[in-house]
Amino acid sequence: MFQKLTAEEFDQLRIKGWGRSSPTYHAIIGLHLGEAIMIPKSGWKRNKPPSSICRSIEKKFASMKVKYKCVALADDSGWAIKRIA
């Protein structure tokens, strides 16, 4: 059935990442200028590549002129993302 939670109990719950709260989204948006991350293909569960998240962030923060370079690795093992602006 249902269980009533206190505010403290709710804050301690582990909640799945979804959409804009996913760990990948936060890792990309948290990059500083010149920083980069590598996302292995084995850990990627979405149908679209990570570049779709980059484009979404670029559109959302267009006024701040946020830009990323998202490239597929030559051995097809994943992607590298670098913040360029």
N, C-alpha and C. Protein backbone atom coordinates (compact mmCIF):
# COMPACT_ATOMS: atom_id res chain seq x y z
N MET A 1 0.83 -1.19 0.00
CA MET A 1 0.00 0.00 0.00
C MET A 1 0.87 1.25 0.00
N PHE A 2 0.39 2.28 0.66
CA PHE A 2 1.09 3.54 0.73
C PHE A 2 1.74 3.71 2.09
N GLN A 3 2.79 4.50 2.08
CA GLN A 3 3.47 4.79 3.33
C GLN A 3 3.71 6.28 3.39
N LYS A 4 3.31 6.92 4.45
CA LYS A 4 3.52 8.34 4.62
C LYS A 4 4.97 8.58 5.06
N LEU A 5 5.62 9.56 4.44
CA LEU A 5 7.02 9.87 4.72
C LEU A 5 7.15 11.26 5.33
N THR A 6 8.09 11.39 6.22
CA THR A 6 8.44 12.72 6.72
C THR A 6 9.37 13.38 5.71
N ALA A 7 9.60 14.66 5.87
CA ALA A 7 10.49 15.38 4.95
C ALA A 7 11.91 14.80 5.01
N GLU A 8 12.35 14.41 6.20
CA GLU A 8 13.69 13.84 6.36
C GLU A 8 13.80 12.48 5.66
N GLU A 9 12.76 11.67 5.79
CA GLU A 9 12.75 10.36 5.14
C GLU A 9 12.78 10.51 3.62
N PHE A 10 12.02 11.48 3.12
CA PHE A 10 12.00 11.70 1.68
C PHE A 10 13.37 12.15 1.18
N ASP A 11 14.03 13.03 1.92
CA ASP A 11 15.34 13.53 1.52
C ASP A 11 16.40 12.43 1.51
N GLN A 12 16.19 11.36 2.26
CA GLN A 12 17.16 10.27 2.33
C GLN A 12 16.92 9.19 1.29
N LEU A 13 15.82 9.28 0.53
CA LEU A 13 15.53 8.28 -0.50
C LEU A 13 16.51 8.40 -1.65
N ARG A 14 16.89 7.26 -2.20
CA ARG A 14 17.70 7.26 -3.42
C ARG A 14 16.74 7.22 -4.59
N ILE A 15 16.78 8.26 -5.41
CA ILE A 15 15.84 8.40 -6.52
C ILE A 15 16.59 8.20 -7.83
N LYS A 16 15.96 7.48 -8.76
CA LYS A 16 16.56 7.22 -10.07
C LYS A 16 16.75 8.52 -10.83
N GLY A 17 17.84 8.59 -11.59
CA GLY A 17 18.05 9.72 -12.47
C GLY A 17 17.10 9.64 -13.65
N TRP A 18 16.55 10.78 -14.06
CA TRP A 18 15.64 10.80 -15.18
C TRP A 18 15.75 12.14 -15.87
N GLY A 19 15.93 12.12 -17.17
CA GLY A 19 15.95 13.36 -17.92
C GLY A 19 16.99 14.32 -17.43
N ARG A 20 16.56 15.50 -17.04
CA ARG A 20 17.48 16.55 -16.64
C ARG A 20 18.05 16.35 -15.25
N SER A 21 17.66 15.29 -14.60
CA SER A 21 18.26 15.03 -13.29
C SER A 21 19.21 13.84 -13.36
N SER A 22 19.49 13.37 -14.57
CA SER A 22 20.35 12.21 -14.72
C SER A 22 21.80 12.58 -14.39
N PRO A 23 22.57 11.60 -13.93
CA PRO A 23 23.99 11.87 -13.64
C PRO A 23 24.75 12.37 -14.88
N THR A 24 24.39 11.88 -16.06
CA THR A 24 25.06 12.31 -17.29
C THR A 24 24.80 13.79 -17.55
N TYR A 25 23.55 14.21 -17.43
CA TYR A 25 23.19 15.62 -17.63
C TYR A 25 23.97 16.51 -16.67
N HIS A 26 24.01 16.12 -15.41
CA HIS A 26 24.72 16.93 -14.41
C HIS A 26 26.23 16.93 -14.65
N ALA A 27 26.77 15.82 -15.12
CA ALA A 27 28.21 15.78 -15.41
C ALA A 27 28.55 16.73 -16.56
N ILE A 28 27.70 16.75 -17.60
CA ILE A 28 27.95 17.61 -18.76
C ILE A 28 27.77 19.08 -18.38
N ILE A 29 26.66 19.38 -17.71
CA ILE A 29 26.39 20.78 -17.37
C ILE A 29 27.39 21.30 -16.33
N GLY A 30 28.00 20.42 -15.57
CA GLY A 30 28.96 20.82 -14.56
C GLY A 30 30.37 21.04 -15.09
N LEU A 31 30.60 20.80 -16.37
CA LEU A 31 31.93 20.99 -16.94
C LEU A 31 32.28 22.48 -16.98
N HIS A 32 33.52 22.79 -16.63
CA HIS A 32 34.03 24.14 -16.77
C HIS A 32 34.74 24.25 -18.10
N LEU A 33 34.98 25.46 -18.55
CA LEU A 33 35.63 25.71 -19.83
C LEU A 33 36.95 24.94 -19.93
N GLY A 34 37.09 24.13 -20.99
CA GLY A 34 38.30 23.35 -21.22
C GLY A 34 38.26 21.95 -20.61
N GLU A 35 37.32 21.67 -19.71
CA GLU A 35 37.22 20.35 -19.10
C GLU A 35 36.50 19.39 -20.06
N ALA A 36 36.77 18.09 -19.88
CA ALA A 36 36.17 17.08 -20.75
C ALA A 36 35.83 15.83 -19.94
N ILE A 37 34.89 15.06 -20.47
CA ILE A 37 34.54 13.77 -19.89
C ILE A 37 34.46 12.74 -21.00
N MET A 38 34.60 11.47 -20.62
CA MET A 38 34.45 10.37 -21.57
C MET A 38 33.30 9.51 -21.07
N ILE A 39 32.37 9.20 -21.97
CA ILE A 39 31.23 8.36 -21.62
C ILE A 39 31.38 7.04 -22.37
N PRO A 40 31.55 5.93 -21.66
CA PRO A 40 31.69 4.63 -22.33
C PRO A 40 30.35 4.17 -22.91
N LYS A 41 30.42 3.54 -24.06
CA LYS A 41 29.20 3.05 -24.71
C LYS A 41 28.51 2.00 -23.86
N SER A 42 29.28 1.25 -23.10
CA SER A 42 28.71 0.20 -22.26
C SER A 42 27.79 0.77 -21.19
N GLY A 43 28.01 2.00 -20.79
CA GLY A 43 27.19 2.61 -19.76
C GLY A 43 26.06 3.48 -20.30
N TRP A 44 25.92 3.54 -21.62
CA TRP A 44 24.92 4.40 -22.24
C TRP A 44 23.69 3.58 -22.60
N LYS A 45 22.53 3.94 -22.05
CA LYS A 45 21.31 3.17 -22.24
C LYS A 45 20.28 3.84 -23.14
N ARG A 46 20.54 5.07 -23.58
CA ARG A 46 19.57 5.79 -24.41
C ARG A 46 19.76 5.45 -25.88
N ASN A 47 18.72 5.71 -26.68
CA ASN A 47 18.80 5.48 -28.12
C ASN A 47 19.59 6.58 -28.82
N LYS A 48 19.47 7.81 -28.33
CA LYS A 48 20.17 8.94 -28.94
C LYS A 48 21.55 9.09 -28.29
N PRO A 49 22.52 9.59 -29.05
CA PRO A 49 23.87 9.77 -28.48
C PRO A 49 23.92 10.94 -27.50
N PRO A 50 24.99 11.05 -26.72
CA PRO A 50 25.11 12.15 -25.75
C PRO A 50 25.08 13.53 -26.40
N SER A 51 25.37 13.62 -27.68
CA SER A 51 25.33 14.93 -28.34
C SER A 51 23.94 15.55 -28.26
N SER A 52 22.89 14.73 -28.13
CA SER A 52 21.54 15.27 -27.99
C SER A 52 21.39 16.03 -26.67
N ILE A 53 22.03 15.55 -25.62
CA ILE A 53 22.01 16.26 -24.33
C ILE A 53 22.79 17.56 -24.46
N CYS A 54 23.92 17.51 -25.15
CA CYS A 54 24.74 18.71 -25.35
C CYS A 54 23.95 19.78 -26.10
N ARG A 55 23.26 19.39 -27.17
CA ARG A 55 22.47 20.35 -27.94
C ARG A 55 21.34 20.94 -27.09
N SER A 56 20.72 20.11 -26.28
CA SER A 56 19.65 20.58 -25.40
C SER A 56 20.17 21.62 -24.41
N ILE A 57 21.33 21.36 -23.83
CA ILE A 57 21.94 22.31 -22.88
C ILE A 57 22.32 23.60 -23.61
N GLU A 58 22.90 23.47 -24.81
CA GLU A 58 23.29 24.66 -25.58
C GLU A 58 22.09 25.54 -25.89
N LYS A 59 20.95 24.93 -26.23
CA LYS A 59 19.74 25.71 -26.51
C LYS A 59 19.22 26.37 -25.24
N LYS A 60 19.21 25.62 -24.14
CA LYS A 60 18.67 26.14 -22.89
C LYS A 60 19.50 27.31 -22.36
N PHE A 61 20.81 27.23 -22.53
CA PHE A 61 21.71 28.26 -22.02
C PHE A 61 22.34 29.07 -23.15
N ALA A 62 21.57 29.33 -24.20
CA ALA A 62 22.08 30.07 -25.36
C ALA A 62 22.54 31.47 -24.98
N SER A 63 21.85 32.10 -24.04
CA SER A 63 22.24 33.46 -23.64
C SER A 63 23.60 33.48 -22.95
N MET A 64 24.00 32.34 -22.37
CA MET A 64 25.30 32.24 -21.71
C MET A 64 26.37 31.76 -22.68
N LYS A 65 25.97 31.44 -23.92
CA LYS A 65 26.88 30.98 -24.98
C LYS A 65 27.66 29.73 -24.58
N VAL A 66 26.97 28.76 -23.97
CA VAL A 66 27.57 27.48 -23.60
C VAL A 66 27.69 26.62 -24.85
N LYS A 67 28.87 26.07 -25.11
CA LYS A 67 29.10 25.22 -26.29
C LYS A 67 29.92 24.00 -25.90
N TYR A 68 29.61 22.88 -26.54
CA TYR A 68 30.33 21.63 -26.30
C TYR A 68 30.80 21.03 -27.61
N LYS A 69 31.89 20.29 -27.54
CA LYS A 69 32.34 19.49 -28.67
C LYS A 69 32.13 18.04 -28.26
N CYS A 70 31.25 17.35 -28.95
CA CYS A 70 30.91 15.96 -28.63
C CYS A 70 31.34 15.09 -29.80
N VAL A 71 32.25 14.17 -29.55
CA VAL A 71 32.79 13.33 -30.62
C VAL A 71 32.73 11.85 -30.24
N ALA A 72 32.53 11.01 -31.24
CA ALA A 72 32.57 9.56 -31.02
C ALA A 72 34.03 9.11 -31.07
N LEU A 73 34.40 8.17 -30.23
CA LEU A 73 35.76 7.66 -30.22
C LEU A 73 35.98 6.75 -31.43
N ALA A 74 37.21 6.74 -31.94
CA ALA A 74 37.54 6.00 -33.16
C ALA A 74 37.27 4.50 -33.04
N ASP A 75 37.46 3.94 -31.85
CA ASP A 75 37.24 2.50 -31.68
C ASP A 75 35.78 2.18 -31.33
N ASP A 76 34.91 3.18 -31.41
CA ASP A 76 33.47 3.03 -31.19
C ASP A 76 33.15 2.54 -29.78
N SER A 77 33.99 2.91 -28.82
CA SER A 77 33.77 2.46 -27.44
C SER A 77 33.03 3.49 -26.59
N GLY A 78 32.74 4.67 -27.17
CA GLY A 78 32.03 5.69 -26.41
C GLY A 78 32.17 7.06 -27.03
N TRP A 79 31.99 8.08 -26.20
CA TRP A 79 32.03 9.46 -26.66
C TRP A 79 32.89 10.29 -25.72
N ALA A 80 33.44 11.37 -26.26
CA ALA A 80 34.16 12.36 -25.46
C ALA A 80 33.45 13.69 -25.64
N ILE A 81 33.27 14.40 -24.52
CA ILE A 81 32.60 15.69 -24.54
C ILE A 81 33.49 16.71 -23.87
N LYS A 82 33.73 17.84 -24.56
CA LYS A 82 34.57 18.90 -24.03
C LYS A 82 33.81 20.21 -24.11
N ARG A 83 33.86 20.99 -23.03
CA ARG A 83 33.23 22.30 -23.06
C ARG A 83 34.18 23.27 -23.71
N ILE A 84 33.73 23.94 -24.79
CA ILE A 84 34.60 24.83 -25.54
C ILE A 84 34.22 26.30 -25.40
N ALA A 85 33.07 26.58 -24.80
CA ALA A 85 32.67 27.98 -24.57
C ALA A 85 31.71 28.03 -23.41
